[in-house]
Amino acid sequence: MIIRAISIRQPFVELILQGRKTREYRSKPTNIRERVYLYASLRPADWPEAWRQVGKQPGELPTGAIVGSVEIVGCRVDGRTGGWAYVLKNP
């Protein structure tokens, strides 16, 4: 049974569901190691390269809804930013 959700902007949620995005970068670490729902935030990301990767435009992907799930299987320090990378598997 899934009891948690993580909120992520489109098109990044779509990239996770396609298995093409395997890390979610955050400012705080997590101890969660379980399947979580993916909630597509109401506001899409302003990241043209990510939209090109999914072949869609803002407004063409669902927002404001649970759209799938993924397993969080790890959490590592991100050497580039000093933040944290949640390791994702099995969307």
PDB file of N, CA and C in Angstrom:
ATOM      1  N   MET A   1       0.835  -1.179   0.000  1.00  0.00           N
ATOM      2  CA  MET A   1       0.000   0.000   0.000  1.00  0.00           C
ATOM      3  C   MET A   1       0.883   1.248   0.000  1.00  0.00           C
ATOM      4  N   ILE A   2       0.605   2.177  -0.895  1.00  0.00           N
ATOM      5  CA  ILE A   2       1.363   3.425  -0.990  1.00  0.00           C
ATOM      6  C   ILE A   2       0.717   4.448  -0.067  1.00  0.00           C
ATOM      7  N   ILE A   3       1.541   5.101   0.770  1.00  0.00           N
ATOM      8  CA  ILE A   3       0.985   6.069   1.716  1.00  0.00           C
ATOM      9  C   ILE A   3       1.572   7.466   1.558  1.00  0.00           C
ATOM     10  N   ARG A   4       2.561   7.639   0.671  1.00  0.00           N
ATOM     11  CA  ARG A   4       3.205   8.949   0.518  1.00  0.00           C
ATOM     12  C   ARG A   4       3.185   9.364  -0.945  1.00  0.00           C
ATOM     13  N   ALA A   5       3.384  10.659  -1.151  1.00  0.00           N
ATOM     14  CA  ALA A   5       3.490  11.198  -2.504  1.00  0.00           C
ATOM     15  C   ALA A   5       4.621  12.216  -2.538  1.00  0.00           C
ATOM     16  N   ILE A   6       5.203  12.379  -3.701  1.00  0.00           N
ATOM     17  CA  ILE A   6       6.207  13.408  -3.921  1.00  0.00           C
ATOM     18  C   ILE A   6       5.687  14.299  -5.049  1.00  0.00           C
ATOM     19  N   SER A   7       5.765  15.604  -4.846  1.00  0.00           N
ATOM     20  CA  SER A   7       5.287  16.568  -5.820  1.00  0.00           C
ATOM     21  C   SER A   7       6.449  16.996  -6.713  1.00  0.00           C
ATOM     22  N   ILE A   8       6.246  16.835  -8.011  1.00  0.00           N
ATOM     23  CA  ILE A   8       7.276  17.157  -9.000  1.00  0.00           C
ATOM     24  C   ILE A   8       6.588  17.834 -10.179  1.00  0.00           C
ATOM     25  N   ARG A   9       7.255  18.794 -10.777  1.00  0.00           N
ATOM     26  CA  ARG A   9       6.687  19.506 -11.918  1.00  0.00           C
ATOM     27  C   ARG A   9       6.805  18.688 -13.198  1.00  0.00           C
ATOM     28  N   GLN A  10       5.819  18.896 -14.072  1.00  0.00           N
ATOM     29  CA  GLN A  10       5.930  18.366 -15.425  1.00  0.00           C
ATOM     30  C   GLN A  10       6.938  19.228 -16.169  1.00  0.00           C
ATOM     31  N   PRO A  11       7.720  18.726 -17.071  1.00  0.00           N
ATOM     32  CA  PRO A  11       7.700  17.405 -17.676  1.00  0.00           C
ATOM     33  C   PRO A  11       8.583  16.381 -16.949  1.00  0.00           C
ATOM     34  N   PHE A  12       9.120  16.768 -15.788  1.00  0.00           N
ATOM     35  CA  PHE A  12      10.013  15.859 -15.069  1.00  0.00           C
ATOM     36  C   PHE A  12       9.293  14.597 -14.606  1.00  0.00           C
ATOM     37  N   VAL A  13       8.015  14.730 -14.220  1.00  0.00           N
ATOM     38  CA  VAL A  13       7.243  13.538 -13.845  1.00  0.00           C
ATOM     39  C   VAL A  13       7.166  12.583 -15.032  1.00  0.00           C
ATOM     40  N   GLU A  14       6.896  13.120 -16.204  1.00  0.00           N
ATOM     41  CA  GLU A  14       6.802  12.276 -17.406  1.00  0.00           C
ATOM     42  C   GLU A  14       8.132  11.577 -17.692  1.00  0.00           C
ATOM     43  N   LEU A  15       9.244  12.285 -17.517  1.00  0.00           N
ATOM     44  CA  LEU A  15      10.557  11.664 -17.719  1.00  0.00           C
ATOM     45  C   LEU A  15      10.801  10.537 -16.716  1.00  0.00           C
ATOM     46  N   ILE A  16      10.342  10.712 -15.482  1.00  0.00           N
ATOM     47  CA  ILE A  16      10.455   9.647 -14.471  1.00  0.00           C
ATOM     48  C   ILE A  16       9.617   8.449 -14.898  1.00  0.00           C
ATOM     49  N   LEU A  17       8.371   8.688 -15.316  1.00  0.00           N
ATOM     50  CA  LEU A  17       7.492   7.596 -15.724  1.00  0.00           C
ATOM     51  C   LEU A  17       8.041   6.836 -16.928  1.00  0.00           C
ATOM     52  N   GLN A  18       8.764   7.520 -17.786  1.00  0.00           N
ATOM     53  CA  GLN A  18       9.383   6.883 -18.948  1.00  0.00           C
ATOM     54  C   GLN A  18      10.682   6.165 -18.587  1.00  0.00           C
ATOM     55  N   GLY A  19      11.142   6.325 -17.345  1.00  0.00           N
ATOM     56  CA  GLY A  19      12.386   5.695 -16.925  1.00  0.00           C
ATOM     57  C   GLY A  19      13.624   6.432 -17.370  1.00  0.00           C
ATOM     58  N   ARG A  20      13.470   7.653 -17.868  1.00  0.00           N
ATOM     59  CA  ARG A  20      14.598   8.437 -18.377  1.00  0.00           C
ATOM     60  C   ARG A  20      15.193   9.364 -17.331  1.00  0.00           C
ATOM     61  N   LYS A  21      14.479   9.615 -16.256  1.00  0.00           N
ATOM     62  CA  LYS A  21      14.979  10.431 -15.139  1.00  0.00           C
ATOM     63  C   LYS A  21      15.013   9.529 -13.913  1.00  0.00           C
ATOM     64  N   THR A  22      16.208   9.252 -13.429  1.00  0.00           N
ATOM     65  CA  THR A  22      16.368   8.303 -12.327  1.00  0.00           C
ATOM     66  C   THR A  22      16.846   8.963 -11.042  1.00  0.00           C
ATOM     67  N   ARG A  23      16.936  10.276 -11.044  1.00  0.00           N
ATOM     68  CA  ARG A  23      17.330  11.032  -9.854  1.00  0.00           C
ATOM     69  C   ARG A  23      16.398  12.233  -9.711  1.00  0.00           C
ATOM     70  N   GLU A  24      15.984  12.505  -8.497  1.00  0.00           N
ATOM     71  CA  GLU A  24      15.206  13.713  -8.192  1.00  0.00           C
ATOM     72  C   GLU A  24      16.029  14.516  -7.207  1.00  0.00           C
ATOM     73  N   TYR A  25      16.356  15.741  -7.572  1.00  0.00           N
ATOM     74  CA  TYR A  25      17.261  16.573  -6.771  1.00  0.00           C
ATOM     75  C   TYR A  25      16.478  17.457  -5.818  1.00  0.00           C
ATOM     76  N   ARG A  26      16.884  17.413  -4.555  1.00  0.00           N
ATOM     77  CA  ARG A  26      16.224  18.163  -3.486  1.00  0.00           C
ATOM     78  C   ARG A  26      17.259  18.792  -2.575  1.00  0.00           C
ATOM     79  N   SER A  27      16.826  19.751  -1.764  1.00  0.00           N
ATOM     80  CA  SER A  27      17.741  20.433  -0.837  1.00  0.00           C
ATOM     81  C   SER A  27      17.909  19.686   0.477  1.00  0.00           C
ATOM     82  N   LYS A  28      17.015  18.725   0.752  1.00  0.00           N
ATOM     83  CA  LYS A  28      17.079  17.971   2.014  1.00  0.00           C
ATOM     84  C   LYS A  28      17.122  16.475   1.724  1.00  0.00           C
ATOM     85  N   PRO A  29      17.812  15.722   2.570  1.00  0.00           N
ATOM     86  CA  PRO A  29      17.855  14.271   2.363  1.00  0.00           C
ATOM     87  C   PRO A  29      16.548  13.615   2.798  1.00  0.00           C
ATOM     88  N   THR A  30      16.392  12.352   2.406  1.00  0.00           N
ATOM     89  CA  THR A  30      15.234  11.573   2.843  1.00  0.00           C
ATOM     90  C   THR A  30      15.688  10.190   3.299  1.00  0.00           C
ATOM     91  N   ASN A  31      14.988   9.649   4.269  1.00  0.00           N
ATOM     92  CA  ASN A  31      15.197   8.272   4.701  1.00  0.00           C
ATOM     93  C   ASN A  31      14.144   7.342   4.110  1.00  0.00           C
ATOM     94  N   ILE A  32      13.253   7.882   3.305  1.00  0.00           N
ATOM     95  CA  ILE A  32      12.180   7.089   2.708  1.00  0.00           C
ATOM     96  C   ILE A  32      12.789   6.124   1.697  1.00  0.00           C
ATOM     97  N   ARG A  33      12.436   4.862   1.818  1.00  0.00           N
ATOM     98  CA  ARG A  33      12.851   3.817   0.883  1.00  0.00           C
ATOM     99  C   ARG A  33      11.634   2.956   0.609  1.00  0.00           C
ATOM    100  N   GLU A  34      10.767   3.459  -0.239  1.00  0.00           N
ATOM    101  CA  GLU A  34       9.518   2.772  -0.551  1.00  0.00           C
ATOM    102  C   GLU A  34       8.911   3.358  -1.804  1.00  0.00           C
ATOM    103  N   ARG A  35       7.858   2.726  -2.284  1.00  0.00           N
ATOM    104  CA  ARG A  35       7.118   3.255  -3.432  1.00  0.00           C
ATOM    105  C   ARG A  35       6.291   4.452  -2.983  1.00  0.00           C
ATOM    106  N   VAL A  36       6.331   5.520  -3.788  1.00  0.00           N
ATOM    107  CA  VAL A  36       5.568   6.737  -3.507  1.00  0.00           C
ATOM    108  C   VAL A  36       4.788   7.127  -4.762  1.00  0.00           C
ATOM    109  N   TYR A  37       3.666   7.803  -4.547  1.00  0.00           N
ATOM    110  CA  TYR A  37       2.921   8.353  -5.668  1.00  0.00           C
ATOM    111  C   TYR A  37       3.685   9.529  -6.259  1.00  0.00           C
ATOM    112  N   LEU A  38       3.514   9.732  -7.552  1.00  0.00           N
ATOM    113  CA  LEU A  38       4.043  10.910  -8.226  1.00  0.00           C
ATOM    114  C   LEU A  38       2.890  11.882  -8.450  1.00  0.00           C
ATOM    115  N   TYR A  39       2.985  13.038  -7.802  1.00  0.00           N
ATOM    116  CA  TYR A  39       1.986  14.087  -7.963  1.00  0.00           C
ATOM    117  C   TYR A  39       2.555  15.116  -8.925  1.00  0.00           C
ATOM    118  N   ALA A  40       1.878  15.342 -10.048  1.00  0.00           N
ATOM    119  CA  ALA A  40       2.290  16.355 -11.012  1.00  0.00           C
ATOM    120  C   ALA A  40       1.800  17.714 -10.514  1.00  0.00           C
ATOM    121  N   SER A  41       2.731  18.559 -10.120  1.00  0.00           N
ATOM    122  CA  SER A  41       2.398  19.884  -9.576  1.00  0.00           C
ATOM    123  C   SER A  41       1.498  20.664 -10.529  1.00  0.00           C
ATOM    124  N   LEU A  42       0.754  21.596  -9.959  1.00  0.00           N
ATOM    125  CA  LEU A  42      -0.119  22.435 -10.780  1.00  0.00           C
ATOM    126  C   LEU A  42       0.667  23.272 -11.783  1.00  0.00           C
ATOM    127  N   ARG A  43       1.812  23.766 -11.360  1.00  0.00           N
ATOM    128  CA  ARG A  43       2.604  24.646 -12.218  1.00  0.00           C
ATOM    129  C   ARG A  43       3.703  23.845 -12.935  1.00  0.00           C
ATOM    130  N   PRO A  44       3.688  23.819 -14.264  1.00  0.00           N
ATOM    131  CA  PRO A  44       4.742  23.111 -14.984  1.00  0.00           C
ATOM    132  C   PRO A  44       6.077  23.856 -14.905  1.00  0.00           C
ATOM    133  N   ALA A  45       7.143  23.135 -15.158  1.00  0.00           N
ATOM    134  CA  ALA A  45       8.488  23.712 -15.122  1.00  0.00           C
ATOM    135  C   ALA A  45       8.750  24.550 -16.374  1.00  0.00           C
ATOM    136  N   ASP A  46       9.546  25.580 -16.218  1.00  0.00           N
ATOM    137  CA  ASP A  46       9.994  26.401 -17.340  1.00  0.00           C
ATOM    138  C   ASP A  46      11.403  25.929 -17.712  1.00  0.00           C
ATOM    139  N   TRP A  47      11.453  24.789 -18.376  1.00  0.00           N
ATOM    140  CA  TRP A  47      12.730  24.149 -18.705  1.00  0.00           C
ATOM    141  C   TRP A  47      12.615  23.604 -20.135  1.00  0.00           C
ATOM    142  N   PRO A  48      12.884  24.436 -21.152  1.00  0.00           N
ATOM    143  CA  PRO A  48      12.661  24.039 -22.549  1.00  0.00           C
ATOM    144  C   PRO A  48      13.306  22.712 -22.946  1.00  0.00           C
ATOM    145  N   GLU A  49      14.509  22.425 -22.469  1.00  0.00           N
ATOM    146  CA  GLU A  49      15.187  21.186 -22.841  1.00  0.00           C
ATOM    147  C   GLU A  49      14.407  19.959 -22.379  1.00  0.00           C
ATOM    148  N   ALA A  50      13.849  20.003 -21.165  1.00  0.00           N
ATOM    149  CA  ALA A  50      13.066  18.879 -20.658  1.00  0.00           C
ATOM    150  C   ALA A  50      11.796  18.689 -21.491  1.00  0.00           C
ATOM    151  N   TRP A  51      11.163  19.780 -21.897  1.00  0.00           N
ATOM    152  CA  TRP A  51       9.972  19.682 -22.739  1.00  0.00           C
ATOM    153  C   TRP A  51      10.325  19.088 -24.094  1.00  0.00           C
ATOM    154  N   ARG A  52      11.471  19.457 -24.641  1.00  0.00           N
ATOM    155  CA  ARG A  52      11.909  18.855 -25.903  1.00  0.00           C
ATOM    156  C   ARG A  52      12.135  17.356 -25.748  1.00  0.00           C
ATOM    157  N   GLN A  53      12.688  16.941 -24.607  1.00  0.00           N
ATOM    158  CA  GLN A  53      12.955  15.521 -24.378  1.00  0.00           C
ATOM    159  C   GLN A  53      11.681  14.680 -24.390  1.00  0.00           C
ATOM    160  N   VAL A  54      10.581  15.213 -23.904  1.00  0.00           N
ATOM    161  CA  VAL A  54       9.324  14.449 -23.901  1.00  0.00           C
ATOM    162  C   VAL A  54       8.488  14.716 -25.151  1.00  0.00           C
ATOM    163  N   GLY A  55       8.899  15.682 -25.952  1.00  0.00           N
ATOM    164  CA  GLY A  55       8.171  15.981 -27.181  1.00  0.00           C
ATOM    165  C   GLY A  55       6.807  16.595 -26.956  1.00  0.00           C
ATOM    166  N   LYS A  56       6.676  17.358 -25.883  1.00  0.00           N
ATOM    167  CA  LYS A  56       5.400  17.991 -25.531  1.00  0.00           C
ATOM    168  C   LYS A  56       5.630  19.461 -25.214  1.00  0.00           C
ATOM    169  N   GLN A  57       4.536  20.192 -25.098  1.00  0.00           N
ATOM    170  CA  GLN A  57       4.544  21.588 -24.701  1.00  0.00           C
ATOM    171  C   GLN A  57       3.807  21.727 -23.372  1.00  0.00           C
ATOM    172  N   PRO A  58       4.092  22.797 -22.601  1.00  0.00           N
ATOM    173  CA  PRO A  58       3.314  23.030 -21.379  1.00  0.00           C
ATOM    174  C   PRO A  58       1.814  23.026 -21.704  1.00  0.00           C
ATOM    175  N   GLY A  59       1.052  22.354 -20.854  1.00  0.00           N
ATOM    176  CA  GLY A  59      -0.383  22.226 -21.069  1.00  0.00           C
ATOM    177  C   GLY A  59      -0.782  20.911 -21.710  1.00  0.00           C
ATOM    178  N   GLU A  60       0.186  20.173 -22.258  1.00  0.00           N
ATOM    179  CA  GLU A  60      -0.126  18.900 -22.915  1.00  0.00           C
ATOM    180  C   GLU A  60       0.013  17.683 -21.979  1.00  0.00           C
ATOM    181  N   LEU A  61       0.546  17.898 -20.791  1.00  0.00           N
ATOM    182  CA  LEU A  61       0.673  16.808 -19.816  1.00  0.00           C
ATOM    183  C   LEU A  61      -0.177  17.131 -18.595  1.00  0.00           C
ATOM    184  N   PRO A  62      -0.681  16.118 -17.905  1.00  0.00           N
ATOM    185  CA  PRO A  62      -1.546  16.380 -16.747  1.00  0.00           C
ATOM    186  C   PRO A  62      -0.802  17.073 -15.612  1.00  0.00           C
ATOM    187  N   THR A  63      -1.509  17.952 -14.932  1.00  0.00           N
ATOM    188  CA  THR A  63      -0.983  18.630 -13.744  1.00  0.00           C
ATOM    189  C   THR A  63      -2.064  18.605 -12.670  1.00  0.00           C
ATOM    190  N   GLY A  64      -1.636  18.796 -11.428  1.00  0.00           N
ATOM    191  CA  GLY A  64      -2.592  18.831 -10.325  1.00  0.00           C
ATOM    192  C   GLY A  64      -3.219  17.489 -10.029  1.00  0.00           C
ATOM    193  N   ALA A  65      -2.467  16.398 -10.293  1.00  0.00           N
ATOM    194  CA  ALA A  65      -3.030  15.061 -10.105  1.00  0.00           C
ATOM    195  C   ALA A  65      -1.930  14.045  -9.821  1.00  0.00           C
ATOM    196  N   ILE A  66      -2.331  12.935  -9.211  1.00  0.00           N
ATOM    197  CA  ILE A  66      -1.444  11.778  -9.074  1.00  0.00           C
ATOM    198  C   ILE A  66      -1.412  11.110 -10.444  1.00  0.00           C
ATOM    199  N   VAL A  67      -0.213  10.891 -10.989  1.00  0.00           N
ATOM    200  CA  VAL A  67      -0.109  10.348 -12.340  1.00  0.00           C
ATOM    201  C   VAL A  67       0.641   9.018 -12.407  1.00  0.00           C
ATOM    202  N   GLY A  68       1.147   8.541 -11.281  1.00  0.00           N
ATOM    203  CA  GLY A  68       1.872   7.277 -11.278  1.00  0.00           C
ATOM    204  C   GLY A  68       2.564   7.083  -9.952  1.00  0.00           C
ATOM    205  N   SER A  69       3.532   6.174  -9.950  1.00  0.00           N
ATOM    206  CA  SER A  69       4.313   5.934  -8.745  1.00  0.00           C
ATOM    207  C   SER A  69       5.720   5.513  -9.136  1.00  0.00           C
ATOM    208  N   VAL A  70       6.620   5.583  -8.162  1.00  0.00           N
ATOM    209  CA  VAL A  70       8.019   5.217  -8.359  1.00  0.00           C
ATOM    210  C   VAL A  70       8.575   4.786  -7.009  1.00  0.00           C
ATOM    211  N   GLU A  71       9.624   3.977  -7.036  1.00  0.00           N
ATOM    212  CA  GLU A  71      10.291   3.595  -5.790  1.00  0.00           C
ATOM    213  C   GLU A  71      11.457   4.540  -5.524  1.00  0.00           C
ATOM    214  N   ILE A  72      11.557   5.029  -4.289  1.00  0.00           N
ATOM    215  CA  ILE A  72      12.758   5.741  -3.843  1.00  0.00           C
ATOM    216  C   ILE A  72      13.636   4.665  -3.206  1.00  0.00           C
ATOM    217  N   VAL A  73      14.806   4.423  -3.795  1.00  0.00           N
ATOM    218  CA  VAL A  73      15.657   3.324  -3.324  1.00  0.00           C
ATOM    219  C   VAL A  73      16.955   3.808  -2.683  1.00  0.00           C
ATOM    220  N   GLY A  74      17.189   5.121  -2.713  1.00  0.00           N
ATOM    221  CA  GLY A  74      18.404   5.642  -2.106  1.00  0.00           C
ATOM    222  C   GLY A  74      18.394   7.155  -2.090  1.00  0.00           C
ATOM    223  N   CYS A  75      19.403   7.712  -1.420  1.00  0.00           N
ATOM    224  CA  CYS A  75      19.562   9.159  -1.331  1.00  0.00           C
ATOM    225  C   CYS A  75      21.054   9.434  -1.202  1.00  0.00           C
ATOM    226  N   ARG A  76      21.577  10.246  -2.108  1.00  0.00           N
ATOM    227  CA  ARG A  76      23.013  10.517  -2.129  1.00  0.00           C
ATOM    228  C   ARG A  76      23.272  12.012  -2.218  1.00  0.00           C
ATOM    229  N   VAL A  77      24.420  12.406  -1.694  1.00  0.00           N
ATOM    230  CA  VAL A  77      24.847  13.797  -1.858  1.00  0.00           C
ATOM    231  C   VAL A  77      25.131  14.034  -3.330  1.00  0.00           C
ATOM    232  N   ASP A  78      24.640  15.157  -3.848  1.00  0.00           N
ATOM    233  CA  ASP A  78      24.921  15.536  -5.228  1.00  0.00           C
ATOM    234  C   ASP A  78      26.170  16.418  -5.234  1.00  0.00           C
ATOM    235  N   GLY A  79      27.248  15.913  -5.799  1.00  0.00           N
ATOM    236  CA  GLY A  79      28.520  16.621  -5.797  1.00  0.00           C
ATOM    237  C   GLY A  79      28.506  17.941  -6.538  1.00  0.00           C
ATOM    238  N   ARG A  80      27.619  18.094  -7.502  1.00  0.00           N
ATOM    239  CA  ARG A  80      27.570  19.341  -8.280  1.00  0.00           C
ATOM    240  C   ARG A  80      26.960  20.492  -7.495  1.00  0.00           C
ATOM    241  N   THR A  81      25.892  20.212  -6.769  1.00  0.00           N
ATOM    242  CA  THR A  81      25.148  21.286  -6.111  1.00  0.00           C
ATOM    243  C   THR A  81      25.274  21.290  -4.599  1.00  0.00           C
ATOM    244  N   GLY A  82      25.737  20.176  -4.036  1.00  0.00           N
ATOM    245  CA  GLY A  82      25.768  20.058  -2.586  1.00  0.00           C
ATOM    246  C   GLY A  82      24.417  19.684  -2.011  1.00  0.00           C
ATOM    247  N   GLY A  83      23.419  19.506  -2.894  1.00  0.00           N
ATOM    248  CA  GLY A  83      22.088  19.071  -2.470  1.00  0.00           C
ATOM    249  C   GLY A  83      22.039  17.558  -2.394  1.00  0.00           C
ATOM    250  N   TRP A  84      20.847  17.025  -2.575  1.00  0.00           N
ATOM    251  CA  TRP A  84      20.623  15.584  -2.436  1.00  0.00           C
ATOM    252  C   TRP A  84      19.951  15.032  -3.680  1.00  0.00           C
ATOM    253  N   ALA A  85      20.347  13.829  -4.055  1.00  0.00           N
ATOM    254  CA  ALA A  85      19.741  13.142  -5.192  1.00  0.00           C
ATOM    255  C   ALA A  85      18.995  11.918  -4.672  1.00  0.00           C
ATOM    256  N   TYR A  86      17.687  11.918  -4.832  1.00  0.00           N
ATOM    257  CA  TYR A  86      16.883  10.753  -4.482  1.00  0.00           C
ATOM    258  C   TYR A  86      16.993   9.788  -5.662  1.00  0.00           C
ATOM    259  N   VAL A  87      17.362   8.568  -5.396  1.00  0.00           N
ATOM    260  CA  VAL A  87      17.534   7.570  -6.451  1.00  0.00           C
ATOM    261  C   VAL A  87      16.201   6.872  -6.684  1.00  0.00           C
ATOM    262  N   LEU A  88      15.744   6.906  -7.948  1.00  0.00           N
ATOM    263  CA  LEU A  88      14.422   6.392  -8.300  1.00  0.00           C
ATOM    264  C   LEU A  88      14.529   5.155  -9.185  1.00  0.00           C
ATOM    265  N   LYS A  89      13.639   4.186  -8.952  1.00  0.00           N
ATOM    266  CA  LYS A  89      13.595   2.969  -9.771  1.00  0.00           C
ATOM    267  C   LYS A  89      12.152   2.505  -9.928  1.00  0.00           C
ATOM    268  N   ASN A  90      11.933   1.709 -10.946  1.00  0.00           N
ATOM    269  CA  ASN A  90      10.670   1.014 -11.179  1.00  0.00           C
ATOM    270  C   ASN A  90       9.447   1.933 -11.216  1.00  0.00           C
ATOM    271  N   PRO A  91       9.454   2.874 -12.155  1.00  0.00           N
ATOM    272  CA  PRO A  91       8.255   3.721 -12.272  1.00  0.00           C
ATOM    273  C   PRO A  91       7.049   2.901 -12.707  1.00  0.00           C
TER     274      PRO A  91
END
